[in-house]
Amino acid sequence: MKRFSALLLLAALAACTSVPEQRLTVPRAPVETKQRIAFASVALREVSLPGYAAGEDIYLSDALGVLRTQPGLFWADDPARAITLELSRHLAQITGARVASEPWPFGGFPEAQVEVRVEEMLAQEGGIFRLAGQYFVSSETGRARAQLFDLSVPVPLDSGATAIAAARGQAVRDLALAIARDGLR
């Protein structure tokens, strides 16, 4: 019984000293570029993220490539859902086309489909946020494209988590620009 009481006391102390949970939102990166594309409607499949990036933890990579998190700091939304919606919004703003994430909410079928597979999405110790992977564009007309992307956005050193979130937003916007320019024309 004494042992059980001691465990309860330790658990209570650990709970009292835990870091308070904070949720981090990603600010909207402004879109100033317009790009004409070959399609009037585009469906975006849910973005595929690597395991570490798919969760709510915010990871940083050190000089050796070891990933670590900051205790108590989490993304405000599910990253796959949030990035899919960000890309959809940016593509619509950039292209003027009817763009929506799947399932397609409109009648008929979209003229093109975009699938994004991210292989790396994290802030690196040297002050860079990196977003890399591959996207695919397919259409009923037979136009199909596969393109690699490797985007970097500077993060001011010692600037904190909000700068990482802003860099993520800019990287997703830059990916939408690349998809519109190189994949949907």
N, C-alpha and C. Protein backbone atom coordinates (compact mmCIF):
# COMPACT_ATOMS: atom_id res chain seq x y z
N MET A 1 0.82 -1.18 0.00
CA MET A 1 0.00 0.00 0.00
C MET A 1 0.87 1.26 0.00
N LYS A 2 1.96 1.26 0.78
CA LYS A 2 2.86 2.41 0.80
C LYS A 2 3.47 2.64 -0.58
N ARG A 3 3.78 1.56 -1.26
CA ARG A 3 4.38 1.66 -2.59
C ARG A 3 3.39 2.32 -3.56
N PHE A 4 2.11 1.91 -3.49
CA PHE A 4 1.07 2.46 -4.35
C PHE A 4 0.88 3.95 -4.06
N SER A 5 0.88 4.33 -2.80
CA SER A 5 0.74 5.73 -2.42
C SER A 5 1.91 6.56 -2.93
N ALA A 6 3.09 6.01 -2.86
CA ALA A 6 4.28 6.70 -3.36
C ALA A 6 4.17 6.92 -4.87
N LEU A 7 3.67 5.92 -5.60
CA LEU A 7 3.49 6.05 -7.05
C LEU A 7 2.46 7.13 -7.38
N LEU A 8 1.36 7.16 -6.61
CA LEU A 8 0.35 8.19 -6.83
C LEU A 8 0.91 9.58 -6.57
N LEU A 9 1.73 9.72 -5.53
CA LEU A 9 2.34 11.00 -5.22
C LEU A 9 3.28 11.43 -6.34
N LEU A 10 4.08 10.50 -6.86
CA LEU A 10 4.98 10.82 -7.97
C LEU A 10 4.20 11.22 -9.22
N ALA A 11 3.11 10.52 -9.49
CA ALA A 11 2.28 10.86 -10.66
C ALA A 11 1.67 12.25 -10.49
N ALA A 12 1.22 12.57 -9.29
CA ALA A 12 0.63 13.88 -9.03
C ALA A 12 1.68 14.98 -9.19
N LEU A 13 2.89 14.75 -8.71
CA LEU A 13 3.96 15.73 -8.86
C LEU A 13 4.34 15.92 -10.33
N ALA A 14 4.39 14.83 -11.06
CA ALA A 14 4.71 14.91 -12.48
C ALA A 14 3.65 15.71 -13.22
N ALA A 15 2.39 15.53 -12.86
CA ALA A 15 1.31 16.27 -13.50
C ALA A 15 1.41 17.76 -13.20
N CYS A 16 1.83 18.10 -12.01
CA CYS A 16 1.93 19.50 -11.62
C CYS A 16 3.09 20.20 -12.33
N THR A 17 4.12 19.48 -12.69
CA THR A 17 5.29 20.09 -13.31
C THR A 17 5.29 19.95 -14.83
N SER A 18 4.21 19.44 -15.41
CA SER A 18 4.18 19.26 -16.86
C SER A 18 4.07 20.62 -17.55
N VAL A 19 4.53 20.67 -18.79
CA VAL A 19 4.50 21.88 -19.60
C VAL A 19 3.08 22.09 -20.09
N PRO A 20 2.54 23.30 -19.98
CA PRO A 20 1.18 23.52 -20.47
C PRO A 20 1.13 23.36 -22.00
N GLU A 21 0.05 22.78 -22.47
CA GLU A 21 -0.11 22.53 -23.90
C GLU A 21 -0.42 23.82 -24.64
N GLN A 22 0.26 24.03 -25.77
CA GLN A 22 -0.01 25.18 -26.62
C GLN A 22 -0.21 24.67 -28.05
N ARG A 23 -1.17 25.26 -28.76
CA ARG A 23 -1.48 24.91 -30.13
C ARG A 23 -1.05 26.05 -31.04
N LEU A 24 -0.38 25.71 -32.13
CA LEU A 24 0.18 26.70 -33.04
C LEU A 24 -0.56 26.69 -34.37
N THR A 25 -1.11 27.83 -34.75
CA THR A 25 -1.77 27.96 -36.04
C THR A 25 -0.76 28.41 -37.09
N VAL A 26 -1.10 28.17 -38.34
CA VAL A 26 -0.23 28.57 -39.46
C VAL A 26 -0.85 29.79 -40.11
N PRO A 27 -0.15 30.92 -40.10
CA PRO A 27 -0.70 32.12 -40.73
C PRO A 27 -0.79 31.95 -42.25
N ARG A 28 -1.78 32.59 -42.83
CA ARG A 28 -1.95 32.52 -44.29
C ARG A 28 -0.86 33.31 -44.99
N ALA A 29 -0.18 32.66 -45.90
CA ALA A 29 0.82 33.35 -46.70
C ALA A 29 0.09 34.07 -47.83
N PRO A 30 0.39 35.33 -48.07
CA PRO A 30 -0.32 36.06 -49.12
C PRO A 30 -0.01 35.52 -50.51
N VAL A 31 -1.02 35.55 -51.37
CA VAL A 31 -0.86 35.12 -52.76
C VAL A 31 -0.98 36.36 -53.63
N GLU A 32 0.09 36.65 -54.35
CA GLU A 32 0.10 37.83 -55.22
C GLU A 32 0.27 37.45 -56.68
N THR A 33 0.56 36.19 -56.95
CA THR A 33 0.81 35.73 -58.31
C THR A 33 -0.43 35.05 -58.87
N LYS A 34 -0.73 35.33 -60.13
CA LYS A 34 -1.82 34.66 -60.85
C LYS A 34 -1.18 33.81 -61.95
N GLN A 35 -1.78 32.65 -62.20
CA GLN A 35 -1.24 31.74 -63.21
C GLN A 35 -2.40 31.10 -63.96
N ARG A 36 -2.40 31.26 -65.27
CA ARG A 36 -3.40 30.57 -66.10
C ARG A 36 -3.02 29.11 -66.19
N ILE A 37 -4.05 28.25 -66.13
CA ILE A 37 -3.81 26.81 -66.25
C ILE A 37 -4.71 26.23 -67.34
N ALA A 38 -4.49 24.98 -67.69
CA ALA A 38 -5.22 24.33 -68.77
C ALA A 38 -6.53 23.71 -68.32
N PHE A 39 -6.90 23.83 -67.04
CA PHE A 39 -8.07 23.15 -66.52
C PHE A 39 -8.99 24.13 -65.80
N ALA A 40 -10.30 23.93 -65.95
CA ALA A 40 -11.28 24.78 -65.28
C ALA A 40 -11.59 24.28 -63.87
N SER A 41 -11.32 22.98 -63.63
CA SER A 41 -11.61 22.42 -62.31
C SER A 41 -10.52 21.42 -61.92
N VAL A 42 -10.15 21.45 -60.64
CA VAL A 42 -9.05 20.63 -60.14
C VAL A 42 -9.43 20.05 -58.79
N ALA A 43 -9.28 18.73 -58.66
CA ALA A 43 -9.48 18.06 -57.37
C ALA A 43 -8.12 17.79 -56.75
N LEU A 44 -8.04 17.99 -55.46
CA LEU A 44 -6.80 17.75 -54.73
C LEU A 44 -7.03 16.62 -53.74
N ARG A 45 -6.25 15.56 -53.89
CA ARG A 45 -6.34 14.46 -52.93
C ARG A 45 -5.67 14.87 -51.62
N GLU A 46 -6.02 14.17 -50.53
CA GLU A 46 -5.40 14.51 -49.25
C GLU A 46 -3.89 14.32 -49.35
N VAL A 47 -3.17 15.30 -48.89
CA VAL A 47 -1.71 15.29 -48.94
C VAL A 47 -1.18 14.16 -48.06
N SER A 48 -0.23 13.41 -48.59
CA SER A 48 0.42 12.32 -47.86
C SER A 48 1.68 12.87 -47.19
N LEU A 49 1.78 12.67 -45.88
CA LEU A 49 2.92 13.19 -45.11
C LEU A 49 3.72 12.05 -44.51
N PRO A 50 5.02 12.26 -44.26
CA PRO A 50 5.79 11.24 -43.54
C PRO A 50 5.28 11.12 -42.11
N GLY A 51 5.53 9.99 -41.49
CA GLY A 51 5.00 9.70 -40.16
C GLY A 51 5.22 10.79 -39.14
N TYR A 52 6.43 11.33 -39.06
CA TYR A 52 6.71 12.35 -38.05
C TYR A 52 5.94 13.63 -38.31
N ALA A 53 5.66 13.94 -39.57
CA ALA A 53 4.97 15.19 -39.92
C ALA A 53 3.45 15.05 -39.88
N ALA A 54 2.95 13.83 -39.87
CA ALA A 54 1.51 13.59 -39.90
C ALA A 54 0.87 13.79 -38.53
N GLY A 55 1.66 13.76 -37.48
CA GLY A 55 1.12 13.94 -36.13
C GLY A 55 1.07 15.40 -35.74
N GLU A 56 0.60 15.65 -34.53
CA GLU A 56 0.44 17.02 -34.08
C GLU A 56 1.73 17.63 -33.51
N ASP A 57 2.74 16.82 -33.25
CA ASP A 57 4.01 17.34 -32.73
C ASP A 57 4.73 18.15 -33.80
N ILE A 58 5.44 19.18 -33.37
CA ILE A 58 6.23 20.01 -34.28
C ILE A 58 7.68 19.59 -34.12
N TYR A 59 8.26 19.06 -35.20
CA TYR A 59 9.62 18.54 -35.15
C TYR A 59 10.64 19.52 -35.69
N LEU A 60 11.83 19.46 -35.12
CA LEU A 60 12.99 20.20 -35.57
C LEU A 60 14.10 19.19 -35.82
N SER A 61 14.93 19.47 -36.81
CA SER A 61 16.04 18.58 -37.12
C SER A 61 17.34 19.25 -36.68
N ASP A 62 18.19 18.50 -35.94
CA ASP A 62 19.47 19.08 -35.54
C ASP A 62 20.51 18.83 -36.64
N ALA A 63 21.74 19.24 -36.40
CA ALA A 63 22.80 19.14 -37.41
C ALA A 63 23.07 17.70 -37.84
N LEU A 64 22.79 16.73 -36.98
CA LEU A 64 23.01 15.32 -37.31
C LEU A 64 21.79 14.67 -37.96
N GLY A 65 20.70 15.42 -38.07
CA GLY A 65 19.47 14.88 -38.65
C GLY A 65 18.56 14.21 -37.64
N VAL A 66 18.87 14.37 -36.36
CA VAL A 66 18.03 13.80 -35.31
C VAL A 66 16.83 14.72 -35.11
N LEU A 67 15.64 14.15 -35.10
CA LEU A 67 14.42 14.92 -34.93
C LEU A 67 14.07 15.04 -33.45
N ARG A 68 13.67 16.24 -33.05
CA ARG A 68 13.25 16.44 -31.67
C ARG A 68 12.04 17.36 -31.66
N THR A 69 11.30 17.32 -30.57
CA THR A 69 10.12 18.17 -30.43
C THR A 69 10.30 19.11 -29.25
N GLN A 70 9.46 20.12 -29.21
CA GLN A 70 9.43 21.02 -28.06
C GLN A 70 8.24 20.59 -27.22
N PRO A 71 8.47 20.15 -25.98
CA PRO A 71 7.38 19.65 -25.15
C PRO A 71 6.24 20.66 -25.01
N GLY A 72 5.02 20.18 -25.17
CA GLY A 72 3.84 21.01 -24.97
C GLY A 72 3.44 21.86 -26.16
N LEU A 73 4.17 21.81 -27.29
CA LEU A 73 3.87 22.62 -28.46
C LEU A 73 3.39 21.72 -29.59
N PHE A 74 2.18 22.01 -30.10
CA PHE A 74 1.56 21.16 -31.12
C PHE A 74 0.94 22.02 -32.22
N TRP A 75 0.78 21.42 -33.42
CA TRP A 75 0.02 22.07 -34.49
C TRP A 75 -1.43 22.17 -34.05
N ALA A 76 -2.11 23.22 -34.44
CA ALA A 76 -3.51 23.43 -34.05
C ALA A 76 -4.47 22.50 -34.80
N ASP A 77 -4.09 22.04 -35.99
CA ASP A 77 -4.96 21.19 -36.79
C ASP A 77 -4.16 19.99 -37.28
N ASP A 78 -4.87 18.95 -37.65
CA ASP A 78 -4.23 17.78 -38.25
C ASP A 78 -3.43 18.24 -39.47
N PRO A 79 -2.11 18.00 -39.52
CA PRO A 79 -1.29 18.53 -40.60
C PRO A 79 -1.72 18.13 -42.01
N ALA A 80 -2.10 16.87 -42.23
CA ALA A 80 -2.52 16.46 -43.58
C ALA A 80 -3.76 17.23 -44.01
N ARG A 81 -4.73 17.33 -43.13
CA ARG A 81 -5.95 18.07 -43.44
C ARG A 81 -5.65 19.54 -43.68
N ALA A 82 -4.87 20.14 -42.80
CA ALA A 82 -4.56 21.56 -42.90
C ALA A 82 -3.80 21.89 -44.18
N ILE A 83 -2.80 21.10 -44.52
CA ILE A 83 -2.00 21.37 -45.72
C ILE A 83 -2.84 21.14 -46.97
N THR A 84 -3.69 20.13 -46.97
CA THR A 84 -4.58 19.90 -48.12
C THR A 84 -5.48 21.11 -48.33
N LEU A 85 -6.07 21.63 -47.26
CA LEU A 85 -6.94 22.79 -47.38
C LEU A 85 -6.16 24.04 -47.79
N GLU A 86 -4.95 24.22 -47.25
CA GLU A 86 -4.11 25.35 -47.64
C GLU A 86 -3.79 25.30 -49.13
N LEU A 87 -3.37 24.12 -49.61
CA LEU A 87 -3.04 23.97 -51.03
C LEU A 87 -4.25 24.25 -51.90
N SER A 88 -5.40 23.74 -51.51
CA SER A 88 -6.63 23.95 -52.26
C SER A 88 -6.96 25.44 -52.36
N ARG A 89 -6.89 26.14 -51.23
CA ARG A 89 -7.16 27.58 -51.22
C ARG A 89 -6.17 28.34 -52.09
N HIS A 90 -4.88 28.02 -51.94
CA HIS A 90 -3.86 28.71 -52.73
C HIS A 90 -4.03 28.45 -54.22
N LEU A 91 -4.28 27.20 -54.60
CA LEU A 91 -4.46 26.89 -56.02
C LEU A 91 -5.66 27.64 -56.59
N ALA A 92 -6.74 27.74 -55.84
CA ALA A 92 -7.91 28.48 -56.31
C ALA A 92 -7.58 29.96 -56.47
N GLN A 93 -6.85 30.53 -55.52
CA GLN A 93 -6.49 31.95 -55.60
C GLN A 93 -5.52 32.22 -56.75
N ILE A 94 -4.58 31.34 -56.95
CA ILE A 94 -3.56 31.52 -57.98
C ILE A 94 -4.14 31.34 -59.38
N THR A 95 -5.00 30.34 -59.55
CA THR A 95 -5.46 29.96 -60.89
C THR A 95 -6.83 30.51 -61.27
N GLY A 96 -7.67 30.80 -60.31
CA GLY A 96 -9.03 31.20 -60.61
C GLY A 96 -9.92 30.02 -60.99
N ALA A 97 -9.37 28.82 -60.98
CA ALA A 97 -10.12 27.61 -61.32
C ALA A 97 -10.97 27.17 -60.13
N ARG A 98 -11.90 26.27 -60.40
CA ARG A 98 -12.68 25.64 -59.33
C ARG A 98 -11.79 24.55 -58.74
N VAL A 99 -11.33 24.75 -57.53
CA VAL A 99 -10.42 23.81 -56.87
C VAL A 99 -11.05 23.37 -55.56
N ALA A 100 -11.02 22.07 -55.29
CA ALA A 100 -11.54 21.56 -54.03
C ALA A 100 -10.80 20.28 -53.67
N SER A 101 -10.70 20.03 -52.38
CA SER A 101 -10.11 18.77 -51.94
C SER A 101 -11.16 17.67 -52.06
N GLU A 102 -10.68 16.44 -52.20
CA GLU A 102 -11.59 15.30 -52.31
C GLU A 102 -12.20 14.97 -50.96
N PRO A 103 -13.42 14.47 -50.94
CA PRO A 103 -14.24 14.09 -52.08
C PRO A 103 -14.76 15.32 -52.83
N TRP A 104 -14.85 15.21 -54.15
CA TRP A 104 -15.26 16.31 -55.01
C TRP A 104 -16.67 16.75 -54.63
N PRO A 105 -16.85 18.00 -54.20
CA PRO A 105 -18.15 18.44 -53.70
C PRO A 105 -19.12 18.95 -54.77
N PHE A 106 -18.66 19.03 -56.02
CA PHE A 106 -19.48 19.58 -57.09
C PHE A 106 -20.04 18.47 -57.97
N GLY A 107 -21.02 18.80 -58.80
CA GLY A 107 -21.54 17.84 -59.76
C GLY A 107 -20.50 17.54 -60.84
N GLY A 108 -20.64 16.40 -61.46
CA GLY A 108 -19.69 16.03 -62.51
C GLY A 108 -18.34 15.65 -61.94
N PHE A 109 -17.34 15.72 -62.80
CA PHE A 109 -16.00 15.34 -62.40
C PHE A 109 -15.03 16.49 -62.66
N PRO A 110 -13.98 16.59 -61.87
CA PRO A 110 -12.97 17.62 -62.13
C PRO A 110 -12.18 17.28 -63.39
N GLU A 111 -11.67 18.30 -64.05
CA GLU A 111 -10.88 18.09 -65.26
C GLU A 111 -9.50 17.53 -64.94
N ALA A 112 -9.00 17.80 -63.77
CA ALA A 112 -7.66 17.32 -63.37
C ALA A 112 -7.67 16.92 -61.90
N GLN A 113 -6.76 16.02 -61.55
CA GLN A 113 -6.57 15.63 -60.16
C GLN A 113 -5.11 15.82 -59.81
N VAL A 114 -4.87 16.30 -58.59
CA VAL A 114 -3.51 16.50 -58.09
C VAL A 114 -3.33 15.65 -56.84
N GLU A 115 -2.22 14.96 -56.78
CA GLU A 115 -1.85 14.20 -55.60
C GLU A 115 -0.46 14.64 -55.17
N VAL A 116 -0.30 14.93 -53.88
CA VAL A 116 0.98 15.40 -53.34
C VAL A 116 1.47 14.41 -52.29
N ARG A 117 2.72 13.98 -52.45
CA ARG A 117 3.35 13.09 -51.48
C ARG A 117 4.60 13.79 -50.93
N VAL A 118 4.54 14.12 -49.66
CA VAL A 118 5.64 14.84 -49.02
C VAL A 118 6.58 13.83 -48.39
N GLU A 119 7.87 13.98 -48.65
CA GLU A 119 8.85 13.10 -48.02
C GLU A 119 9.59 13.78 -46.88
N GLU A 120 9.61 15.12 -46.88
CA GLU A 120 10.28 15.84 -45.79
C GLU A 120 9.56 17.16 -45.55
N MET A 121 9.23 17.41 -44.28
CA MET A 121 8.57 18.66 -43.90
C MET A 121 9.01 19.00 -42.48
N LEU A 122 10.05 19.83 -42.38
CA LEU A 122 10.51 20.20 -41.04
C LEU A 122 11.46 21.36 -41.05
N ALA A 123 11.58 21.97 -39.88
CA ALA A 123 12.54 23.05 -39.68
C ALA A 123 13.90 22.43 -39.38
N GLN A 124 14.93 22.98 -39.99
CA GLN A 124 16.28 22.47 -39.78
C GLN A 124 17.08 23.46 -38.96
N GLU A 125 18.07 22.93 -38.26
CA GLU A 125 18.86 23.73 -37.32
C GLU A 125 19.48 24.98 -37.95
N GLY A 126 19.83 24.94 -39.21
CA GLY A 126 20.50 26.07 -39.86
C GLY A 126 19.58 27.23 -40.20
N GLY A 127 18.32 27.19 -39.76
CA GLY A 127 17.41 28.29 -40.04
C GLY A 127 16.66 28.14 -41.35
N ILE A 128 16.33 26.93 -41.74
CA ILE A 128 15.61 26.65 -42.98
C ILE A 128 14.42 25.75 -42.69
N PHE A 129 13.26 26.06 -43.27
CA PHE A 129 12.14 25.13 -43.25
C PHE A 129 12.11 24.48 -44.62
N ARG A 130 12.10 23.15 -44.65
CA ARG A 130 12.21 22.41 -45.90
C ARG A 130 10.94 21.61 -46.15
N LEU A 131 10.43 21.69 -47.37
CA LEU A 131 9.28 20.92 -47.82
C LEU A 131 9.68 20.26 -49.13
N ALA A 132 9.78 18.92 -49.13
CA ALA A 132 10.25 18.21 -50.32
C ALA A 132 9.38 16.98 -50.56
N GLY A 133 9.29 16.60 -51.82
CA GLY A 133 8.52 15.41 -52.17
C GLY A 133 8.23 15.37 -53.65
N GLN A 134 7.03 14.90 -54.01
CA GLN A 134 6.65 14.75 -55.40
C GLN A 134 5.15 14.98 -55.54
N TYR A 135 4.76 15.58 -56.66
CA TYR A 135 3.32 15.72 -56.93
C TYR A 135 3.01 15.12 -58.29
N PHE A 136 1.75 14.74 -58.45
CA PHE A 136 1.29 14.08 -59.67
C PHE A 136 0.02 14.79 -60.14
N VAL A 137 -0.07 15.02 -61.44
CA VAL A 137 -1.26 15.61 -62.04
C VAL A 137 -1.77 14.63 -63.08
N SER A 138 -3.06 14.31 -63.01
CA SER A 138 -3.67 13.44 -64.01
C SER A 138 -4.97 14.08 -64.49
N SER A 139 -5.35 13.72 -65.72
CA SER A 139 -6.60 14.25 -66.27
C SER A 139 -7.20 13.25 -67.23
N GLU A 140 -8.48 13.45 -67.55
CA GLU A 140 -9.17 12.58 -68.49
C GLU A 140 -8.64 12.78 -69.91
N THR A 141 -8.01 13.91 -70.16
CA THR A 141 -7.47 14.18 -71.49
C THR A 141 -6.16 13.43 -71.74
N GLY A 142 -5.67 12.75 -70.74
CA GLY A 142 -4.44 12.00 -70.90
C GLY A 142 -3.19 12.76 -70.53
N ARG A 143 -3.33 14.04 -70.20
CA ARG A 143 -2.17 14.83 -69.77
C ARG A 143 -1.83 14.42 -68.36
N ALA A 144 -0.67 13.86 -68.20
CA ALA A 144 -0.23 13.42 -66.88
C ALA A 144 1.18 13.94 -66.63
N ARG A 145 1.41 14.36 -65.40
CA ARG A 145 2.74 14.87 -65.04
C ARG A 145 3.12 14.37 -63.66
N ALA A 146 4.40 14.17 -63.48
CA ALA A 146 4.97 13.86 -62.17
C ALA A 146 6.16 14.79 -62.01
N GLN A 147 6.22 15.47 -60.88
CA GLN A 147 7.25 16.48 -60.67
C GLN A 147 7.79 16.38 -59.26
N LEU A 148 9.10 16.43 -59.12
CA LEU A 148 9.72 16.51 -57.80
C LEU A 148 9.72 17.96 -57.35
N PHE A 149 9.67 18.19 -56.04
CA PHE A 149 9.81 19.54 -55.51
C PHE A 149 10.69 19.50 -54.27
N ASP A 150 11.44 20.56 -54.07
CA ASP A 150 12.31 20.71 -52.90
C ASP A 150 12.37 22.20 -52.59
N LEU A 151 11.54 22.62 -51.66
CA LEU A 151 11.38 24.04 -51.35
C LEU A 151 11.99 24.35 -49.99
N SER A 152 12.63 25.50 -49.90
CA SER A 152 13.22 25.95 -48.64
C SER A 152 12.78 27.38 -48.36
N VAL A 153 12.44 27.62 -47.11
CA VAL A 153 12.05 28.96 -46.67
C VAL A 153 12.91 29.29 -45.45
N PRO A 154 13.57 30.45 -45.44
CA PRO A 154 14.39 30.80 -44.28
C PRO A 154 13.55 31.02 -43.03
N VAL A 155 14.10 30.58 -41.91
CA VAL A 155 13.49 30.80 -40.60
C VAL A 155 14.54 31.55 -39.78
N PRO A 156 14.25 32.77 -39.35
CA PRO A 156 15.24 33.50 -38.55
C PRO A 156 15.67 32.67 -37.34
N LEU A 157 16.98 32.58 -37.13
CA LEU A 157 17.49 31.83 -35.99
C LEU A 157 16.97 32.42 -34.68
N ASP A 158 16.69 31.58 -33.73
CA ASP A 158 16.18 31.98 -32.41
C ASP A 158 14.88 32.79 -32.51
N SER A 159 14.06 32.53 -33.52
CA SER A 159 12.84 33.30 -33.69
C SER A 159 11.61 32.61 -33.10
N GLY A 160 11.72 31.36 -32.76
CA GLY A 160 10.62 30.68 -32.10
C GLY A 160 9.68 29.94 -33.04
N ALA A 161 8.68 29.35 -32.42
CA ALA A 161 7.77 28.46 -33.14
C ALA A 161 6.88 29.20 -34.13
N THR A 162 6.51 30.45 -33.84
CA THR A 162 5.63 31.17 -34.77
C THR A 162 6.32 31.41 -36.11
N ALA A 163 7.64 31.57 -36.10
CA ALA A 163 8.38 31.73 -37.35
C ALA A 163 8.40 30.42 -38.14
N ILE A 164 8.45 29.29 -37.43
CA ILE A 164 8.39 27.99 -38.10
C ILE A 164 7.02 27.83 -38.76
N ALA A 165 5.97 28.21 -38.07
CA ALA A 165 4.62 28.11 -38.63
C ALA A 165 4.48 29.01 -39.86
N ALA A 166 5.01 30.22 -39.79
CA ALA A 166 4.94 31.13 -40.94
C ALA A 166 5.73 30.57 -42.12
N ALA A 167 6.88 29.97 -41.84
CA ALA A 167 7.69 29.37 -42.92
C ALA A 167 6.95 28.19 -43.55
N ARG A 168 6.26 27.40 -42.73
CA ARG A 168 5.46 26.29 -43.28
C ARG A 168 4.39 26.83 -44.22
N GLY A 169 3.71 27.89 -43.80
CA GLY A 169 2.68 28.50 -44.64
C GLY A 169 3.24 29.00 -45.96
N GLN A 170 4.42 29.61 -45.91
CA GLN A 170 5.06 30.10 -47.14
C GLN A 170 5.47 28.95 -48.05
N ALA A 171 5.98 27.87 -47.46
CA ALA A 171 6.40 26.72 -48.25
C ALA A 171 5.21 26.07 -48.95
N VAL A 172 4.08 25.96 -48.28
CA VAL A 172 2.88 25.38 -48.89
C VAL A 172 2.39 26.29 -50.02
N ARG A 173 2.40 27.61 -49.80
CA ARG A 173 2.03 28.55 -50.86
C ARG A 173 2.97 28.41 -52.06
N ASP A 174 4.28 28.29 -51.81
CA ASP A 174 5.24 28.12 -52.89
C ASP A 174 5.02 26.82 -53.65
N LEU A 175 4.61 25.78 -52.93
CA LEU A 175 4.28 24.51 -53.59
C LEU A 175 3.08 24.69 -54.50
N ALA A 176 2.06 25.41 -54.05
CA ALA A 176 0.89 25.67 -54.89
C ALA A 176 1.29 26.43 -56.15
N LEU A 177 2.17 27.40 -56.02
CA LEU A 177 2.67 28.14 -57.19
C LEU A 177 3.38 27.21 -58.16
N ALA A 178 4.21 26.31 -57.64
CA ALA A 178 4.95 25.37 -58.50
C ALA A 178 3.99 24.42 -59.21
N ILE A 179 2.98 23.93 -58.50
CA ILE A 179 2.01 23.02 -59.12
C ILE A 179 1.25 23.74 -60.22
N ALA A 180 0.81 24.97 -59.98
CA ALA A 180 0.08 25.72 -60.99
C ALA A 180 0.97 26.01 -62.20
N ARG A 181 2.20 26.42 -61.96
CA ARG A 181 3.11 26.81 -63.03
C ARG A 181 3.63 25.63 -63.84
N ASP A 182 4.00 24.54 -63.14
CA ASP A 182 4.67 23.42 -63.83
C ASP A 182 3.81 22.19 -64.02
N GLY A 183 2.73 22.07 -63.25
CA GLY A 183 1.95 20.84 -63.35
C GLY A 183 0.59 20.99 -64.00
N LEU A 184 0.01 22.19 -63.96
CA LEU A 184 -1.36 22.37 -64.46
C LEU A 184 -1.45 23.18 -65.73
N ARG A 185 -0.33 23.59 -66.31
CA ARG A 185 -0.37 24.37 -67.56
C ARG A 185 -0.43 23.48 -68.76
